Amino acid sequence: LTLTGHSDFVRAVAFSPDSRSLATAGLADGIVRLRDESGASVEFKAHQSQVVNLDFRENGSQLATASSDGTVRIWSVQSQELTLIK
């Protein structure tokens, strides 16, 4: 699997609990990419600053992203919509 699509280095990587999806966060672009086992990907602007960490919920339905600006966001994996900002 080639990790293309980020404008800089990949800062964080997380596999979904069922290992069918992969989330990556770019170092400088604030972009998160979700890839499925076919290689298809969806990109969304997760934060205005660097995404420093990400992780899936135990059931794989949500993805948490953390930024260097101190914010944490929770995303629906299915819809890629923001569900919570902290």
C-alpha atoms as a PDB file:
ATOM      1  CA  LEU A   1       0.000   0.000   0.000  1.00  0.00           C
ATOM      2  CA  THR A   2       1.535   3.277  -1.102  1.00  0.00           C
ATOM      3  CA  LEU A   3       0.853   6.191   1.229  1.00  0.00           C
ATOM      4  CA  THR A   4       0.418   9.008  -1.239  1.00  0.00           C
ATOM      5  CA  GLY A   5      -1.618  12.152  -1.009  1.00  0.00           C
ATOM      6  CA  HIS A   6      -0.016  14.055   1.855  1.00  0.00           C
ATOM      7  CA  SER A   7       1.997  17.186   1.120  1.00  0.00           C
ATOM      8  CA  ASP A   8       4.686  16.217   3.647  1.00  0.00           C
ATOM      9  CA  PHE A   9       5.722  13.289   5.828  1.00  0.00           C
ATOM     10  CA  VAL A  10       3.096  11.066   7.454  1.00  0.00           C
ATOM     11  CA  ARG A  11       3.019  11.851  11.175  1.00  0.00           C
ATOM     12  CA  ALA A  12       0.572   9.235  12.488  1.00  0.00           C
ATOM     13  CA  VAL A  13      -0.854   5.933  11.285  1.00  0.00           C
ATOM     14  CA  ALA A  14      -3.651   3.793  12.753  1.00  0.00           C
ATOM     15  CA  PHE A  15      -5.277   0.560  11.588  1.00  0.00           C
ATOM     16  CA  SER A  16      -8.954  -0.010  12.255  1.00  0.00           C
ATOM     17  CA  PRO A  17      -9.706  -2.811  14.735  1.00  0.00           C
ATOM     18  CA  ASP A  18     -10.744  -5.131  11.877  1.00  0.00           C
ATOM     19  CA  SER A  19      -7.580  -4.185   9.906  1.00  0.00           C
ATOM     20  CA  ARG A  20      -9.674  -3.248   6.861  1.00  0.00           C
ATOM     21  CA  SER A  21      -9.023   0.493   7.044  1.00  0.00           C
ATOM     22  CA  LEU A  22      -5.960   2.621   7.545  1.00  0.00           C
ATOM     23  CA  ALA A  23      -5.927   6.226   8.704  1.00  0.00           C
ATOM     24  CA  THR A  24      -2.921   8.467   8.081  1.00  0.00           C
ATOM     25  CA  ALA A  25      -2.200  12.027   9.163  1.00  0.00           C
ATOM     26  CA  GLY A  26       0.146  14.354   7.328  1.00  0.00           C
ATOM     27  CA  LEU A  27       2.813  16.165   9.318  1.00  0.00           C
ATOM     28  CA  ALA A  28       2.212  19.664   8.016  1.00  0.00           C
ATOM     29  CA  ASP A  29      -1.081  19.685   6.152  1.00  0.00           C
ATOM     30  CA  GLY A  30      -3.679  18.859   8.859  1.00  0.00           C
ATOM     31  CA  ILE A  31      -5.150  16.299   6.457  1.00  0.00           C
ATOM     32  CA  VAL A  32      -6.367  12.847   7.467  1.00  0.00           C
ATOM     33  CA  ARG A  33      -6.785  10.142   4.847  1.00  0.00           C
ATOM     34  CA  LEU A  34      -8.909   7.043   5.331  1.00  0.00           C
ATOM     35  CA  ARG A  35      -8.047   4.113   3.077  1.00  0.00           C
ATOM     36  CA  ASP A  36      -9.935   0.861   2.751  1.00  0.00           C
ATOM     37  CA  GLU A  37      -8.576  -2.544   1.808  1.00  0.00           C
ATOM     38  CA  SER A  38      -9.161  -1.878  -1.901  1.00  0.00           C
ATOM     39  CA  GLY A  39      -6.867   1.165  -1.718  1.00  0.00           C
ATOM     40  CA  ALA A  40      -9.704   3.682  -2.169  1.00  0.00           C
ATOM     41  CA  SER A  41      -9.202   6.743  -0.005  1.00  0.00           C
ATOM     42  CA  VAL A  42     -11.115   9.690   1.379  1.00  0.00           C
ATOM     43  CA  GLU A  43      -9.392  12.880   2.487  1.00  0.00           C
ATOM     44  CA  PHE A  44     -10.662  15.436   4.962  1.00  0.00           C
ATOM     45  CA  LYS A  45      -9.228  18.527   6.615  1.00  0.00           C
ATOM     46  CA  ALA A  46      -9.110  17.433  10.239  1.00  0.00           C
ATOM     47  CA  HIS A  47      -7.377  20.428  11.844  1.00  0.00           C
ATOM     48  CA  GLN A  48      -5.865  23.791  10.982  1.00  0.00           C
ATOM     49  CA  SER A  49      -2.579  22.703  12.588  1.00  0.00           C
ATOM     50  CA  GLN A  50      -0.550  19.483  12.587  1.00  0.00           C
ATOM     51  CA  VAL A  51      -2.346  16.239  13.383  1.00  0.00           C
ATOM     52  CA  VAL A  52      -0.036  14.611  15.915  1.00  0.00           C
ATOM     53  CA  ASN A  53      -2.001  11.463  16.740  1.00  0.00           C
ATOM     54  CA  LEU A  54      -5.035   9.470  15.699  1.00  0.00           C
ATOM     55  CA  ASP A  55      -6.754   6.284  16.775  1.00  0.00           C
ATOM     56  CA  PHE A  56      -9.881   4.273  16.048  1.00  0.00           C
ATOM     57  CA  ARG A  57     -12.570   3.529  18.604  1.00  0.00           C
ATOM     58  CA  GLU A  58     -12.643  -0.140  19.666  1.00  0.00           C
ATOM     59  CA  ASN A  59     -15.555  -0.938  17.326  1.00  0.00           C
ATOM     60  CA  GLY A  60     -14.011   1.045  14.450  1.00  0.00           C
ATOM     61  CA  SER A  61     -17.002   3.365  14.041  1.00  0.00           C
ATOM     62  CA  GLN A  62     -15.147   6.540  15.038  1.00  0.00           C
ATOM     63  CA  LEU A  63     -11.705   8.037  14.589  1.00  0.00           C
ATOM     64  CA  ALA A  64     -10.155  10.453  17.081  1.00  0.00           C
ATOM     65  CA  THR A  65      -7.629  13.012  15.852  1.00  0.00           C
ATOM     66  CA  ALA A  66      -5.418  15.194  18.043  1.00  0.00           C
ATOM     67  CA  SER A  67      -3.689  18.362  16.893  1.00  0.00           C
ATOM     68  CA  SER A  68      -0.656  20.307  18.070  1.00  0.00           C
ATOM     69  CA  ASP A  69      -3.064  23.201  18.758  1.00  0.00           C
ATOM     70  CA  GLY A  70      -4.491  21.195  21.694  1.00  0.00           C
ATOM     71  CA  THR A  71      -7.784  20.192  20.058  1.00  0.00           C
ATOM     72  CA  VAL A  72      -9.225  16.691  19.766  1.00  0.00           C
ATOM     73  CA  ARG A  73     -11.899  15.817  17.227  1.00  0.00           C
ATOM     74  CA  ILE A  74     -14.019  12.708  16.872  1.00  0.00           C
ATOM     75  CA  TRP A  75     -15.097  11.683  13.370  1.00  0.00           C
ATOM     76  CA  SER A  76     -17.627   9.187  12.053  1.00  0.00           C
ATOM     77  CA  VAL A  77     -15.679   6.705   9.928  1.00  0.00           C
ATOM     78  CA  GLN A  78     -18.683   5.900   7.755  1.00  0.00           C
ATOM     79  CA  SER A  79     -19.648   9.490   6.885  1.00  0.00           C
ATOM     80  CA  GLN A  80     -16.307  11.252   7.618  1.00  0.00           C
ATOM     81  CA  GLU A  81     -18.362  13.880   9.462  1.00  0.00           C
ATOM     82  CA  LEU A  82     -17.221  15.610  12.609  1.00  0.00           C
ATOM     83  CA  THR A  83     -19.175  14.387  15.657  1.00  0.00           C
ATOM     84  CA  LEU A  84     -17.314  16.017  18.582  1.00  0.00           C
ATOM     85  CA  ILE A  85     -14.773  18.790  19.186  1.00  0.00           C
ATOM     86  CA  LYS A  86     -12.847  19.078  22.461  1.00  0.00           C
END
